[in-house]
Structure formats: C-alpha cells, structure tokens
Amino acid sequence: MIATITLAAVLFNGLLYPEMGTIANAMQKRGQHVETLWHDQSTSSCPPFILGHSMGGPAALNQAASCRRAGKPVKGVVTIDPTGQVGATYYCPRGTRCLNYYDPSHLIGGGARAVVGATNVKMHGYSHLQLPSAPQVVKGALAFTK
C-alpha cells in the first residue's frame, strides 16, 4: 500500500525540518510505501492515503480532489495544521474520508483552520512544527491510514 506524504518546505537554522518523519517512518515500518513530496510538487499518482502538513495540507486535499475527478478516488486524507492563502476555506473532497488536526491559534500562512467535511480535531500545546509528531496526531494518522 502506498501513502503519499505531502510536506511544506520548512527551514530551521538552515536545516530542513523533517516534520512528518515520525509518521512516515512508522508507516514504512508496517510495510507501507511512502512517497514524500513538497507542497508545490505535483504528482499524477493516486495513492490510497495522502497526508499533508502546513502548506502540504491544501496540496493533499487538492490532489485527492484531482484523483476523484480522474476516477481514482483515494481512501482518505490526513491534514495537519493546514495553512496557505489568507482567508481560504479548505474542503474534504466529496466521498473521501478526511481527518484534520489543527491549532486555530497558529498564525503561519494566514492561520491553521478546520477543513469542511473532515473530522476536525483541535490540538493545543504544540508549535506548528511540533504538531505532526504529537503522540495523539501520530496515533490518529496511523490508525486512519491502516
């Protein structure tokens, strides 16, 4: 089973921050093939699951919508603190299961927000970069993509 993990390019002290590494490594350990893409990369693949953090969240939702239009719907999308265009509203594609973890107090990219049509879980106590490795998020994402 393939899962695509869509990341946002994040630099911290000049180093690339692997914010989705905990989830990706756990998925690989259980035998899932994981493709890692940056939020601005496009792909024609339609894997069973797509996960996205930060600007990767809207990209994951867009890819899932494209797959649905192409007749290759994905099973589910997990978004973590989706951010991007100020004031944008994000939608879970019709017929797709979506799970979204977010902290509305995070102001990066216009603020993390709920995803219309998704199961939305408000998370507090983690920075935007720490949220993908929060134990509840990791556990939930792994259960969702099994």
Protein backbone atom coordinates (compact mmCIF):
# COMPACT_ATOMS: atom_id res chain seq x y z
CA MET A 1 0.00 0.00 0.00
CA ILE A 2 1.37 3.42 -0.94
CA ALA A 3 0.82 6.59 1.01
CA THR A 4 1.89 9.98 -0.21
CA ILE A 5 3.04 12.39 2.45
CA THR A 6 2.98 15.98 1.31
CA LEU A 7 5.24 18.33 3.21
CA ALA A 8 5.78 22.04 3.42
CA ALA A 9 9.35 23.17 2.89
CA VAL A 10 10.47 24.36 6.31
CA LEU A 11 13.94 25.59 7.18
CA PHE A 12 15.08 25.91 10.77
CA ASN A 13 18.56 27.30 11.42
CA GLY A 14 19.43 26.47 7.82
CA LEU A 15 18.42 22.80 8.13
CA LEU A 16 15.45 21.14 6.52
CA TYR A 17 12.93 20.22 9.22
CA PRO A 18 11.52 16.69 8.72
CA GLU A 19 8.20 17.40 10.40
CA MET A 20 6.36 14.36 9.04
CA GLY A 21 9.23 11.91 9.67
CA THR A 22 7.66 10.23 12.71
CA ILE A 23 4.50 9.30 10.81
CA ALA A 24 6.37 8.36 7.60
CA ASN A 25 8.82 6.12 9.47
CA ALA A 26 6.05 4.33 11.36
CA MET A 27 4.12 3.73 8.12
CA GLN A 28 7.23 2.34 6.44
CA LYS A 29 7.90 0.04 9.40
CA ARG A 30 4.49 -1.55 8.95
CA GLY A 31 5.21 -2.17 5.27
CA GLN A 32 3.59 0.81 3.58
CA HIS A 33 5.47 2.51 0.77
CA VAL A 34 5.66 6.24 1.45
CA GLU A 35 6.32 8.91 -1.19
CA THR A 36 7.40 12.27 0.19
CA LEU A 37 6.62 15.37 -1.85
CA TRP A 38 6.94 19.08 -1.25
CA HIS A 39 3.74 21.09 -1.23
CA ASP A 40 4.47 22.60 -4.64
CA GLN A 41 5.28 19.32 -6.40
CA SER A 42 2.55 17.77 -8.47
CA THR A 43 2.07 14.07 -8.90
CA SER A 44 -0.19 12.01 -11.07
CA SER A 45 -0.31 9.14 -8.59
CA CYS A 46 -3.47 8.49 -6.63
CA PRO A 47 -2.38 6.51 -3.58
CA PRO A 48 -4.88 5.17 -1.04
CA PHE A 49 -3.91 7.82 1.51
CA ILE A 50 -2.49 11.32 1.29
CA LEU A 51 -1.17 13.20 4.30
CA GLY A 52 -0.24 16.87 4.37
CA HIS A 53 1.23 19.28 6.90
CA SER A 54 1.18 23.08 6.72
CA MET A 55 1.02 24.15 3.06
CA GLY A 56 1.05 20.44 2.27
CA GLY A 57 -2.45 20.19 3.76
CA PRO A 58 -4.21 22.14 1.00
CA ALA A 59 -1.97 20.38 -1.57
CA ALA A 60 -3.07 16.98 -0.22
CA LEU A 61 -6.75 17.99 -0.44
CA ASN A 62 -6.25 19.29 -3.99
CA GLN A 63 -4.51 16.07 -5.04
CA ALA A 64 -7.33 13.99 -3.56
CA ALA A 65 -9.90 16.09 -5.46
CA SER A 66 -7.91 15.63 -8.69
CA CYS A 67 -7.79 11.87 -8.14
CA ARG A 68 -11.56 11.80 -7.59
CA ARG A 69 -12.15 13.73 -10.83
CA ALA A 70 -9.86 11.26 -12.63
CA GLY A 71 -11.97 8.33 -11.37
CA LYS A 72 -9.28 7.16 -8.93
CA PRO A 73 -10.56 8.30 -5.52
CA VAL A 74 -8.27 7.99 -2.53
CA LYS A 75 -9.43 6.30 0.68
CA GLY A 76 -8.52 9.16 2.93
CA VAL A 77 -6.66 12.39 3.57
CA VAL A 78 -4.99 13.47 6.81
CA THR A 79 -4.16 17.15 7.15
CA ILE A 80 -2.13 18.65 9.97
CA ASP A 81 -2.31 22.38 10.61
CA PRO A 82 -3.29 23.20 7.01
CA THR A 83 -2.22 26.70 6.07
CA GLY A 84 -1.85 28.71 2.93
CA GLN A 85 -3.71 31.57 1.40
CA VAL A 86 -5.15 34.02 3.92
CA GLY A 87 -8.90 33.58 4.25
CA ALA A 88 -9.03 30.37 2.19
CA THR A 89 -11.55 27.66 3.05
CA TYR A 90 -10.43 24.05 2.67
CA TYR A 91 -12.80 21.25 1.71
CA CYS A 92 -12.59 17.48 2.04
CA PRO A 93 -13.39 16.07 -1.42
CA ARG A 94 -16.88 14.58 -1.62
CA GLY A 95 -16.85 10.85 -0.93
CA THR A 96 -13.42 10.97 0.75
CA ARG A 97 -12.73 10.46 4.44
CA CYS A 98 -10.68 13.32 5.88
CA LEU A 99 -9.08 13.80 9.27
CA ASN A 100 -7.68 17.20 10.24
CA TYR A 101 -5.57 18.14 13.26
CA TYR A 102 -5.11 21.85 13.78
CA ASP A 103 -4.48 24.62 16.28
CA PRO A 104 -6.52 27.71 15.36
CA SER A 105 -4.04 29.91 17.25
CA HIS A 106 -1.25 29.08 14.78
CA LEU A 107 -0.91 32.09 12.52
CA ILE A 108 1.51 30.73 9.91
CA GLY A 109 0.19 31.26 6.37
CA GLY A 110 -2.96 33.02 7.49
CA GLY A 111 -3.75 30.59 10.30
CA ALA A 112 -4.40 26.88 10.56
CA ARG A 113 -8.05 26.04 10.22
CA ALA A 114 -10.75 23.44 10.15
CA VAL A 115 -11.45 21.53 6.93
CA VAL A 116 -15.08 21.49 5.80
CA GLY A 117 -16.35 17.89 5.67
CA ALA A 118 -13.45 16.50 7.72
CA THR A 119 -13.29 15.16 11.23
CA ASN A 120 -11.59 18.15 12.84
CA VAL A 121 -9.53 17.76 16.00
CA LYS A 122 -8.32 20.90 17.76
CA MET A 123 -4.83 20.48 19.21
CA HIS A 124 -3.16 22.78 21.70
CA GLY A 125 0.23 22.80 23.36
CA TYR A 126 2.40 22.14 20.30
CA SER A 127 4.09 24.52 17.90
CA HIS A 128 3.24 24.36 14.21
CA LEU A 129 6.41 22.34 13.57
CA GLN A 130 5.89 20.01 16.54
CA LEU A 131 2.27 19.16 15.77
CA PRO A 132 2.99 16.31 13.28
CA SER A 133 4.99 14.48 15.97
CA ALA A 134 2.43 14.98 18.76
CA PRO A 135 1.55 11.49 20.10
CA GLN A 136 -2.21 11.93 19.50
CA VAL A 137 -1.60 13.05 15.90
CA VAL A 138 0.81 10.20 15.13
CA LYS A 139 -1.51 7.60 16.68
CA GLY A 140 -4.55 9.02 14.88
CA ALA A 141 -2.82 9.28 11.49
CA LEU A 142 -1.54 5.69 11.75
CA ALA A 143 -4.97 4.35 12.72
CA PHE A 144 -6.60 6.31 9.88
CA THR A 145 -4.18 5.01 7.22
CA LYS A 146 -4.24 1.35 8.22
